Amino acid sequence: MTPIRWKDAAGLPSSCAAILSALQFNQPDAEGVQRLTDDEWRAALDFCDRAQLTLVLQQRCGALLPAWVDQRVTGNIDANNRRCARLVEEYFRIAQRLQEAGIAHIVLKGFTHVPLFVPALKYRLQADLDLLLDSRDLDGARQILLDLGFEAGNGQARVPMDHLPPFIRKTGWRWSGDFFDPDRPAVVEIHHRLWDEGTELFAVEGLKTFWDRRTPLAFNGRPLPSFGLADQFGYASLHAVRHLLRGDLKVFHVYELACFLEGQRERQNLWEDMRSNHSSSLHQVEAISAALAQAWFGCQLPGLIEQKIQQLPPPIAQWLSRYAPAPVIALFRPNKDELWLHLSLLSSWSRRFRLIRRRLAPLTLPGHVEANFVPAENLTPALRARKWVAYGRFLGSRAVFHAKATLSILAGSAAWWRMNRNAG
């Protein structure tokens, strides 16, 4: 795909467009970044924090950063590095207990993405420890986490997920607005599947064989159970497309894919493994994620991936051509343009109607966003009141977002009908 000209993307602030243009892998455009004022830099940093791009700014744009921005990013990297060190130790404590109980697991994303998706762990903002287990071992793993002082959270219990409700420690920590707070407690997510067909409404075949191909990696001199490289790329693609379709895709997740594709494009054995071991339905997901990575960050693609992109059905190819910037623009101008891609991936009208109904009128509420790590006995009346006020504000902001985004659905419906009619 042709890389997006971010400075021409309607609805995207110029400061954010400048950052994305400077992060291109081929022909990066530094001109916009060099012209940013201090106020525009503050807006750009706010965007980078939310998009999880702050930690890579120094690595990719170091010479272009004003001194005060460079100092801020240096502090963020240092804080994240300290937090990552704590996460690593937390993980190995859990892994040891799982091993003692005879419970096999695989680490998803996180540490396994170093160095091919991101050059060092300190450049990756990581809030969770994601572990994949056989469904028969879920109860045993749950008990181990409870024994280690974790509690089963309920903040996401009503939201469709591929994992159990997150496990947290009630340390009393509270969100202060600092994305890089080194004291933020670990959250552990125990996954029991790689794809939720019941929620996404279409199947991706062949994922059960990922478990059989698990491969240990060396991390800090210790073994780390992981997927092989082709399966790592496959799961990263699944993760990105799932969040794309749910309307909460992080920009950094696409950036990671772009790093991997750019750096590994000549590794023919990797792409042959992908060709041999991945199903056609997974190839389609991988092609969508790779096309998005190329459109957003201008990475070069291996020949097999380019071939798979060219084989995408016309409605999907047309969505990528027309709506690729939409997930980034949605951070500033609400839209649900990912709905048209999701509809194009479904094979029956009954499933399409189910999806439309769910996206127009969500039936689940998000969990609380304030004081989730505070023990119940420490929730004073004042803190309880602040918790509910914060929750009300959050629900209100989400209601406004959905209302505005629904207008984009009505406006885009005619274009989607035309795309599918022309494809037919």
Protein backbone atom coordinates (compact mmCIF):
# COMPACT_ATOMS: atom_id res chain seq x y z
CA MET A 1 0.00 0.00 0.00
CA THR A 2 1.02 3.59 -0.52
CA PRO A 3 2.04 5.18 2.80
CA ILE A 4 -0.43 7.74 4.12
CA ARG A 5 0.45 11.41 3.75
CA TRP A 6 -0.39 12.19 7.36
CA LYS A 7 -0.18 15.95 6.90
CA ASP A 8 -3.11 15.66 4.48
CA ALA A 9 -5.25 13.47 6.79
CA ALA A 10 -8.43 15.42 7.58
CA GLY A 11 -9.20 15.61 11.28
CA LEU A 12 -5.65 14.88 12.48
CA PRO A 13 -3.85 17.71 14.35
CA SER A 14 -0.74 18.92 12.57
CA SER A 15 1.46 18.09 15.58
CA CYS A 16 0.38 14.43 15.47
CA ALA A 17 0.76 14.30 11.70
CA ALA A 18 4.32 15.59 12.11
CA ILE A 19 5.20 12.79 14.56
CA LEU A 20 3.77 10.05 12.35
CA SER A 21 5.53 11.48 9.29
CA ALA A 22 8.86 11.49 11.14
CA LEU A 23 8.40 7.84 12.21
CA GLN A 24 8.20 6.54 8.64
CA PHE A 25 10.70 3.76 7.95
CA ASN A 26 11.35 4.86 4.38
CA GLN A 27 11.59 8.53 3.46
CA PRO A 28 10.77 9.91 6.93
CA ASP A 29 9.68 13.55 6.81
CA ALA A 30 11.34 15.55 9.59
CA GLU A 31 10.23 18.96 8.35
CA GLY A 32 6.98 19.03 10.33
CA VAL A 33 8.66 18.02 13.60
CA GLN A 34 11.32 20.70 13.20
CA ARG A 35 8.63 23.39 12.94
CA LEU A 36 6.68 22.41 16.07
CA THR A 37 6.31 25.08 18.75
CA ASP A 38 6.50 24.19 22.44
CA ASP A 39 2.70 24.17 22.68
CA GLU A 40 2.48 21.90 19.65
CA TRP A 41 5.10 19.62 21.20
CA ARG A 42 2.96 19.35 24.33
CA ALA A 43 0.03 18.30 22.15
CA ALA A 44 2.27 15.87 20.27
CA LEU A 45 3.51 14.31 23.51
CA ASP A 46 -0.05 13.90 24.76
CA PHE A 47 -0.84 12.04 21.54
CA CYS A 48 2.32 9.93 21.81
CA ASP A 49 1.50 8.99 25.41
CA ARG A 50 -1.97 7.78 24.42
CA ALA A 51 -0.67 6.08 21.27
CA GLN A 52 2.24 4.50 23.25
CA LEU A 53 4.80 6.06 20.89
CA THR A 54 6.63 8.28 23.40
CA LEU A 55 9.33 5.75 24.24
CA VAL A 56 10.49 5.35 20.62
CA LEU A 57 10.77 9.10 19.91
CA GLN A 58 14.35 9.38 21.15
CA GLN A 59 15.48 6.31 19.24
CA ARG A 60 13.89 7.40 15.96
CA CYS A 61 13.86 11.21 16.18
CA GLY A 62 16.52 12.01 18.79
CA ALA A 63 18.29 14.78 16.86
CA LEU A 64 14.97 16.50 16.15
CA LEU A 65 13.77 16.75 19.75
CA PRO A 66 14.02 20.05 21.64
CA ALA A 67 16.12 19.75 24.80
CA TRP A 68 13.13 19.81 27.15
CA VAL A 69 11.31 17.13 25.10
CA ASP A 70 14.45 14.96 25.02
CA GLN A 71 14.75 15.31 28.79
CA ARG A 72 11.11 14.39 29.30
CA VAL A 73 11.39 11.31 27.07
CA THR A 74 14.63 10.28 28.81
CA GLY A 75 12.80 10.37 32.13
CA ASN A 76 9.94 8.34 30.68
CA ILE A 77 12.34 5.70 29.36
CA ASP A 78 14.13 5.48 32.71
CA ALA A 79 10.84 5.10 34.61
CA ASN A 80 9.59 2.47 32.16
CA ASN A 81 12.89 0.59 32.39
CA ARG A 82 12.49 0.35 36.18
CA ARG A 83 8.91 -0.82 35.80
CA CYS A 84 9.91 -3.42 33.21
CA ALA A 85 12.57 -4.79 35.58
CA ARG A 86 9.86 -5.31 38.20
CA LEU A 87 7.57 -6.94 35.64
CA VAL A 88 10.31 -9.35 34.58
CA GLU A 89 10.90 -10.46 38.15
CA GLU A 90 7.16 -10.76 38.75
CA TYR A 91 6.83 -12.93 35.67
CA PHE A 92 9.63 -15.31 36.68
CA ARG A 93 8.12 -15.72 40.15
CA ILE A 94 4.82 -16.73 38.54
CA ALA A 95 6.57 -18.93 35.96
CA GLN A 96 8.42 -20.81 38.68
CA ARG A 97 5.19 -21.58 40.52
CA LEU A 98 3.53 -22.70 37.29
CA GLN A 99 6.48 -24.98 36.51
CA GLU A 100 6.38 -26.49 40.01
CA ALA A 101 2.69 -27.25 39.47
CA GLY A 102 3.40 -28.85 36.09
CA ILE A 103 1.44 -26.16 34.22
CA ALA A 104 2.83 -25.26 30.79
CA HIS A 105 2.36 -21.73 29.47
CA ILE A 106 3.39 -19.38 26.68
CA VAL A 107 4.24 -15.70 27.07
CA LEU A 108 2.25 -13.53 24.66
CA LYS A 109 3.72 -10.29 23.30
CA GLY A 110 5.67 -8.36 25.94
CA PHE A 111 9.18 -9.70 26.51
CA THR A 112 8.96 -11.98 23.47
CA HIS A 113 8.79 -8.95 21.17
CA VAL A 114 12.39 -7.98 21.98
CA PRO A 115 14.39 -7.38 19.82
CA LEU A 116 12.51 -8.04 16.55
CA PHE A 117 9.36 -6.00 17.17
CA VAL A 118 11.05 -3.43 19.42
CA PRO A 119 14.84 -3.15 19.99
CA ALA A 120 14.74 -3.14 23.80
CA LEU A 121 12.14 -3.71 26.49
CA LYS A 122 12.57 -0.18 27.84
CA TYR A 123 11.01 1.17 24.63
CA ARG A 124 7.84 -0.87 25.10
CA LEU A 125 5.14 0.38 27.46
CA GLN A 126 3.78 -2.78 29.05
CA ALA A 127 0.94 -2.81 31.57
CA ASP A 128 0.10 -6.52 31.60
CA LEU A 129 1.69 -9.93 31.77
CA ASP A 130 -0.14 -12.04 29.18
CA LEU A 131 0.14 -15.82 29.55
CA LEU A 132 -1.52 -18.48 27.39
CA LEU A 133 -2.50 -21.73 29.10
CA ASP A 134 -4.34 -24.89 28.20
CA SER A 135 -7.95 -24.41 29.26
CA ARG A 136 -7.64 -27.46 31.54
CA ASP A 137 -5.05 -25.60 33.64
CA LEU A 138 -7.02 -22.41 34.27
CA ASP A 139 -8.17 -23.35 37.75
CA GLY A 140 -4.66 -24.31 38.81
CA ALA A 141 -3.19 -21.08 37.48
CA ARG A 142 -5.93 -19.06 39.17
CA GLN A 143 -5.11 -20.61 42.52
CA ILE A 144 -1.39 -19.94 42.08
CA LEU A 145 -2.06 -16.26 41.43
CA LEU A 146 -4.36 -16.07 44.45
CA ASP A 147 -1.63 -17.68 46.58
CA LEU A 148 0.83 -15.05 45.31
CA GLY A 149 -1.42 -12.26 46.57
CA PHE A 150 -3.33 -11.41 43.42
CA GLU A 151 -7.08 -10.91 43.32
CA ALA A 152 -9.41 -11.54 40.42
CA GLY A 153 -10.51 -8.14 39.17
CA ASN A 154 -13.96 -7.44 37.81
CA GLY A 155 -13.34 -4.35 35.73
CA GLN A 156 -13.55 -6.27 32.45
CA ALA A 157 -15.69 -9.18 33.55
CA ARG A 158 -18.58 -8.15 31.32
CA VAL A 159 -16.49 -7.37 28.26
CA PRO A 160 -15.76 -10.20 25.76
CA MET A 161 -12.13 -11.21 26.14
CA ASP A 162 -9.78 -14.04 25.26
CA HIS A 163 -8.64 -14.26 28.86
CA LEU A 164 -9.95 -14.53 32.41
CA PRO A 165 -10.77 -11.28 34.24
CA PRO A 166 -7.41 -9.62 35.03
CA PHE A 167 -5.59 -10.47 38.24
CA ILE A 168 -4.31 -7.52 40.28
CA ARG A 169 -2.76 -6.78 43.65
CA LYS A 170 -4.58 -4.30 45.85
CA THR A 171 -1.50 -2.22 46.67
CA GLY A 172 -3.34 1.06 47.07
CA TRP A 173 -1.81 2.46 43.88
CA ARG A 174 -3.92 5.05 42.07
CA TRP A 175 -3.71 6.45 38.55
CA SER A 176 -2.07 9.89 38.60
CA GLY A 177 -2.03 10.57 34.87
CA ASP A 178 1.54 9.30 34.48
CA PHE A 179 1.61 6.59 31.80
CA PHE A 180 5.16 5.63 32.83
CA ASP A 181 4.73 5.40 36.60
CA PRO A 182 7.30 2.77 37.68
CA ASP A 183 5.17 1.88 40.71
CA ARG A 184 2.15 0.81 38.68
CA PRO A 185 1.36 -2.73 39.81
CA ALA A 186 1.49 -5.68 37.45
CA VAL A 187 -1.73 -6.95 35.93
CA VAL A 188 -1.77 -10.63 34.93
CA GLU A 189 -4.04 -11.88 32.17
CA ILE A 190 -4.48 -15.63 31.76
CA HIS A 191 -5.47 -16.36 28.16
CA HIS A 192 -7.25 -19.53 27.16
CA ARG A 193 -7.62 -18.90 23.41
CA LEU A 194 -6.06 -16.81 20.66
CA TRP A 195 -9.27 -15.76 18.91
CA ASP A 196 -12.87 -15.29 20.06
CA GLU A 197 -15.04 -16.39 17.14
CA GLY A 198 -18.22 -15.80 19.14
CA THR A 199 -17.44 -12.10 19.47
CA GLU A 200 -15.65 -11.41 16.19
CA LEU A 201 -18.27 -13.52 14.33
CA PHE A 202 -15.81 -15.17 11.94
CA ALA A 203 -13.34 -18.00 12.38
CA VAL A 204 -9.58 -18.01 12.00
CA GLU A 205 -8.50 -21.58 11.38
CA GLY A 206 -5.41 -23.45 12.53
CA LEU A 207 -4.69 -21.56 15.75
CA LYS A 208 -4.62 -24.65 17.96
CA THR A 209 -1.42 -25.78 16.25
CA PHE A 210 0.38 -22.71 17.65
CA TRP A 211 0.57 -24.46 21.01
CA ASP A 212 2.24 -27.51 19.47
CA ARG A 213 4.92 -25.33 17.86
CA ARG A 214 5.85 -23.39 21.02
CA THR A 215 9.54 -22.55 21.17
CA PRO A 216 11.63 -21.39 24.16
CA LEU A 217 13.47 -18.10 23.78
CA ALA A 218 16.44 -16.90 25.81
CA PHE A 219 15.65 -13.77 27.82
CA ASN A 220 18.24 -12.35 30.21
CA GLY A 221 19.84 -15.78 30.30
CA ARG A 222 16.61 -17.52 31.29
CA PRO A 223 14.21 -19.57 29.14
CA LEU A 224 11.03 -17.86 28.03
CA PRO A 225 8.29 -20.09 26.55
CA SER A 226 7.12 -18.43 23.36
CA PHE A 227 5.89 -18.97 19.82
CA GLY A 228 8.19 -19.38 16.87
CA LEU A 229 8.75 -16.26 14.76
CA ALA A 230 6.03 -16.98 12.19
CA ASP A 231 3.51 -17.63 14.95
CA GLN A 232 4.64 -14.52 16.84
CA PHE A 233 3.84 -12.49 13.74
CA GLY A 234 0.56 -14.38 13.36
CA TYR A 235 -0.53 -13.65 16.91
CA ALA A 236 0.58 -10.01 16.73
CA SER A 237 -1.58 -9.70 13.62
CA LEU A 238 -4.54 -11.34 15.34
CA HIS A 239 -4.13 -9.02 18.32
CA ALA A 240 -3.95 -5.90 16.13
CA VAL A 241 -6.92 -6.84 13.94
CA ARG A 242 -9.05 -7.82 16.94
CA HIS A 243 -8.50 -4.40 18.52
CA LEU A 244 -8.95 -2.71 15.16
CA LEU A 245 -12.38 -4.31 14.78
CA ARG A 246 -13.31 -3.41 18.36
CA GLY A 247 -12.32 0.23 17.83
CA ASP A 248 -9.49 0.41 20.37
CA LEU A 249 -6.35 -0.32 18.35
CA LYS A 250 -3.15 1.16 19.82
CA VAL A 251 -0.91 2.91 17.30
CA PHE A 252 2.16 1.30 18.88
CA HIS A 253 0.89 -2.19 18.10
CA VAL A 254 0.92 -1.31 14.40
CA TYR A 255 4.34 0.30 14.82
CA GLU A 256 5.66 -2.97 16.28
CA LEU A 257 4.36 -4.88 13.27
CA ALA A 258 6.03 -2.35 10.97
CA CYS A 259 9.35 -2.83 12.83
CA PHE A 260 9.09 -6.59 12.45
CA LEU A 261 8.16 -6.49 8.77
CA GLU A 262 10.86 -3.95 7.93
CA GLY A 263 13.59 -5.85 9.77
CA GLN A 264 12.65 -9.41 8.78
CA ARG A 265 11.52 -8.98 5.17
CA GLU A 266 14.57 -10.84 3.78
CA ARG A 267 14.23 -13.78 6.19
CA GLN A 268 12.85 -16.25 3.68
CA ASN A 269 12.62 -19.23 6.04
CA LEU A 270 10.33 -17.21 8.31
CA TRP A 271 7.88 -16.40 5.54
CA GLU A 272 8.02 -19.95 4.20
CA ASP A 273 7.06 -21.14 7.70
CA MET A 274 4.15 -18.75 7.59
CA ARG A 275 3.09 -20.00 4.15
CA SER A 276 3.28 -23.64 5.23
CA ASN A 277 1.80 -23.49 8.73
CA HIS A 278 -0.82 -20.75 8.63
CA SER A 279 -4.32 -21.13 7.23
CA SER A 280 -5.79 -18.98 4.48
CA SER A 281 -8.06 -17.27 7.03
CA LEU A 282 -5.02 -16.35 9.15
CA HIS A 283 -3.17 -15.17 6.03
CA GLN A 284 -6.03 -12.76 5.45
CA VAL A 285 -5.71 -11.33 8.96
CA GLU A 286 -1.93 -11.06 8.54
CA ALA A 287 -2.36 -9.28 5.22
CA ILE A 288 -4.73 -6.72 6.78
CA SER A 289 -2.34 -5.98 9.66
CA ALA A 290 0.66 -5.73 7.33
CA ALA A 291 -1.17 -3.44 4.92
CA LEU A 292 -2.05 -1.18 7.84
CA ALA A 293 1.57 -1.19 9.05
CA GLN A 294 2.80 -0.21 5.60
CA ALA A 295 0.14 2.50 5.22
CA TRP A 296 0.86 4.04 8.62
CA PHE A 297 4.67 3.72 8.81
CA GLY A 298 5.93 3.07 5.29
CA CYS A 299 7.69 -0.20 6.05
CA GLN A 300 8.87 -2.50 3.26
CA LEU A 301 7.14 -5.86 3.01
CA PRO A 302 8.35 -9.35 2.13
CA GLY A 303 7.15 -10.68 -1.21
CA LEU A 304 4.80 -13.26 0.32
CA ILE A 305 3.01 -10.61 2.38
CA GLU A 306 2.63 -8.35 -0.66
CA GLN A 307 1.14 -11.30 -2.51
CA LYS A 308 -1.36 -11.94 0.29
CA ILE A 309 -2.36 -8.27 0.32
CA GLN A 310 -2.98 -8.38 -3.43
CA GLN A 311 -5.24 -11.41 -2.89
CA LEU A 312 -7.50 -9.66 -0.38
CA PRO A 313 -11.16 -9.51 -1.47
CA PRO A 314 -12.05 -6.20 -3.16
CA PRO A 315 -14.21 -4.81 -0.28
CA ILE A 316 -11.32 -5.31 2.18
CA ALA A 317 -8.77 -3.82 -0.20
CA GLN A 318 -11.08 -0.86 -0.80
CA TRP A 319 -11.53 -0.35 2.95
CA LEU A 320 -7.77 -0.24 3.43
CA SER A 321 -7.41 2.24 0.59
CA ARG A 322 -10.19 4.51 1.87
CA TYR A 323 -10.22 4.14 5.65
CA ALA A 324 -6.68 3.19 6.73
CA PRO A 325 -6.14 6.48 8.68
CA ALA A 326 -9.49 6.19 10.49
CA PRO A 327 -8.30 4.43 13.70
CA VAL A 328 -5.75 7.21 14.33
CA ILE A 329 -8.18 10.00 13.45
CA ALA A 330 -10.72 8.47 15.85
CA LEU A 331 -8.50 9.65 18.73
CA PHE A 332 -9.57 13.18 17.79
CA ARG A 333 -12.70 12.84 15.68
CA PRO A 334 -14.89 9.89 16.76
CA ASN A 335 -15.73 7.36 14.08
CA LYS A 336 -16.55 3.68 13.77
CA ASP A 337 -15.23 3.22 10.27
CA GLU A 338 -13.76 -0.13 11.28
CA LEU A 339 -17.34 -1.42 11.14
CA TRP A 340 -17.18 -1.52 7.31
CA LEU A 341 -14.11 -3.72 7.42
CA HIS A 342 -15.72 -6.01 9.98
CA LEU A 343 -18.88 -6.34 7.90
CA SER A 344 -16.78 -7.20 4.86
CA LEU A 345 -15.16 -10.06 6.80
CA LEU A 346 -18.49 -11.68 7.66
CA SER A 347 -20.07 -14.32 5.44
CA SER A 348 -23.75 -14.06 6.35
CA TRP A 349 -26.29 -11.29 6.77
CA SER A 350 -27.45 -12.69 10.10
CA ARG A 351 -23.97 -12.15 11.51
CA ARG A 352 -23.79 -8.72 9.95
CA PHE A 353 -27.05 -7.70 11.60
CA ARG A 354 -25.77 -9.00 14.95
CA LEU A 355 -22.63 -6.91 14.55
CA ILE A 356 -24.53 -3.75 13.55
CA ARG A 357 -26.85 -4.11 16.52
CA ARG A 358 -23.93 -4.56 18.90
CA ARG A 359 -21.96 -1.60 17.55
CA LEU A 360 -24.95 0.75 17.48
CA ALA A 361 -26.18 -0.18 20.95
CA PRO A 362 -23.42 -1.73 23.12
CA LEU A 363 -25.02 -3.89 25.82
CA THR A 364 -22.02 -4.12 28.17
CA LEU A 365 -20.65 -1.40 30.41
CA PRO A 366 -16.93 -0.90 31.09
CA GLY A 367 -15.64 -1.38 34.60
CA HIS A 368 -14.52 1.30 37.03
CA VAL A 369 -11.49 3.36 36.08
CA GLU A 370 -10.60 4.82 39.50
CA ALA A 371 -9.05 3.20 42.60
CA ASN A 372 -9.13 -0.34 41.21
CA PHE A 373 -5.95 -1.20 43.14
CA VAL A 374 -7.19 0.18 46.47
CA PRO A 375 -8.26 -2.49 49.03
CA ALA A 376 -11.94 -2.36 49.97
CA GLU A 377 -11.12 -1.56 53.60
CA ASN A 378 -9.20 1.55 52.46
CA LEU A 379 -12.04 2.95 50.36
CA THR A 380 -13.10 5.92 52.44
CA PRO A 381 -16.47 7.60 51.75
CA ALA A 382 -14.64 10.41 49.96
CA LEU A 383 -12.68 7.98 47.81
CA ARG A 384 -15.82 5.99 47.01
CA ALA A 385 -17.49 9.21 45.92
CA ARG A 386 -14.53 10.13 43.70
CA LYS A 387 -14.60 6.59 42.26
CA TRP A 388 -18.25 6.96 41.22
CA VAL A 389 -17.76 10.51 39.94
CA ALA A 390 -14.84 9.35 37.81
CA TYR A 391 -16.92 6.42 36.57
CA GLY A 392 -19.80 8.74 35.67
CA ARG A 393 -17.47 11.04 33.76
CA PHE A 394 -15.96 8.11 31.93
CA LEU A 395 -19.36 6.71 30.98
CA GLY A 396 -20.42 10.17 29.84
CA SER A 397 -17.34 10.55 27.64
CA ARG A 398 -17.92 7.12 26.12
CA ALA A 399 -21.59 7.94 25.49
CA VAL A 400 -20.58 11.12 23.67
CA PHE A 401 -17.99 9.21 21.66
CA HIS A 402 -20.52 6.53 20.63
CA ALA A 403 -23.10 9.16 19.72
CA LYS A 404 -20.68 11.05 17.49
CA ALA A 405 -19.24 7.85 16.03
CA THR A 406 -22.73 6.57 15.21
CA LEU A 407 -23.18 9.59 12.95
CA SER A 408 -20.10 8.42 11.04
CA ILE A 409 -21.78 5.02 10.60
CA LEU A 410 -24.83 6.62 9.05
CA ALA A 411 -22.66 8.77 6.82
CA GLY A 412 -20.49 5.84 5.70
CA SER A 413 -23.20 3.27 5.10
CA ALA A 414 -23.83 4.33 1.51
CA ALA A 415 -20.13 4.06 0.66
CA TRP A 416 -19.96 0.55 2.10
CA TRP A 417 -23.01 -0.56 0.10
CA ARG A 418 -21.38 0.78 -3.07
CA MET A 419 -18.10 -1.03 -2.29
CA ASN A 420 -19.87 -4.36 -1.87
CA ARG A 421 -22.16 -3.85 -4.89
CA ASN A 422 -19.16 -3.07 -7.09
CA ALA A 423 -17.26 -6.06 -5.68
CA GLY A 424 -20.20 -8.35 -6.45
